[in-house]
């Protein structure tokens, strides 16, 4: 195996840094060629780049790793992998509108930034409504560009044809997962399994499993290899979302790039919150339910909710679930015909993306 910079058998962190740099270069080149003009004095480029460039690039990494499990390093495959960051930008832009988010990666969310520009320019109409509409349309643009970047990547058409059905399935799963998430409210006390099912569709499959499958299909991997990567991807994808849920309750804004109270403030039925509801004694369950039922949660209420959740042992339960899934995932690829360098990368990526060493 050769890393993007030509060095042999890189360690997972070094390999990841190399792939991320290459993906960023490909995205910068694509956006430079397709840079949209300002509309009514409102620039799109800065907000677009904030969402499309500079992310963790997990999905491109997993797609390219799937490719390496069956084919040699390829600049064309890296360009194809980079296209998933545009799909991610689409998902983030729309997710922030639906969540009424304030921040993304430490900066104002796109709809907030567009609304601010609308007000600064004194344009007619409602600034907030304009911001939401503009962010949604920018997301649509990224969705179109993602497929275009894949088609123009230089990967052989026959290789692309093998992965298009799975690519479509991934996008449908993402959309349906978002639909389910719209009514996924902690005040409705859903079950842990139902919340996990939403997490698989909305995040887990989309982050790890499907990108790995796409890369392996493009590379022409054998069925046995694709099935092993698929199982690994499902497990690591779930562990990734479980970690995200822990950070959503206990993480800082510096770690997540979002307000520290966003999950609790929005009453999201994440695995941590639902596990706490299931594990709480009657008094703790009542106190937590009262907090979540309040019209708004101020800083003191969020702190109190965290304390109640922590007292149930829910965080420890979710941590155990993360460990179990990572262990199972690493075992899942042992029997497949995957070379040792790629096995080391799969091991490393499982740990990296579930401990957030990013």
Foldseek 3Di string as FASTA:
>chain_A
DAAPVGDPLDFLVVSQVRLLVLLQVLVVVLCVVVPDDADPPHHDVVLLCVQLHDDSLLLLVLLQLLQVQQDDDDQLSSLLSSLVSLLRSLLQLLVCLLLVFQWDLQHGRQLVVQLVVCVVVVPDDRSSVRSNVVSNVSSVVSVVVSVVSNVVSPQDPVLQVQLVVLVVVLVVLQVVLVVVQSPQAVLVLDALVVQLSSQLSNWQCNRHQSSSLSNNSSSVHDPLQNVLSNLLSSLLSSLLQLLVLVCQQVNPCNQRRGHNPSCLFSRGPHSLSSLLCVQADPVLNVLLSVLSPDPGADPVSSVVNSVSSVVSCSNVVSVVSSVVSLVVSLVSNPPPPGDPSSSSNSNVSSVCSNVVVD
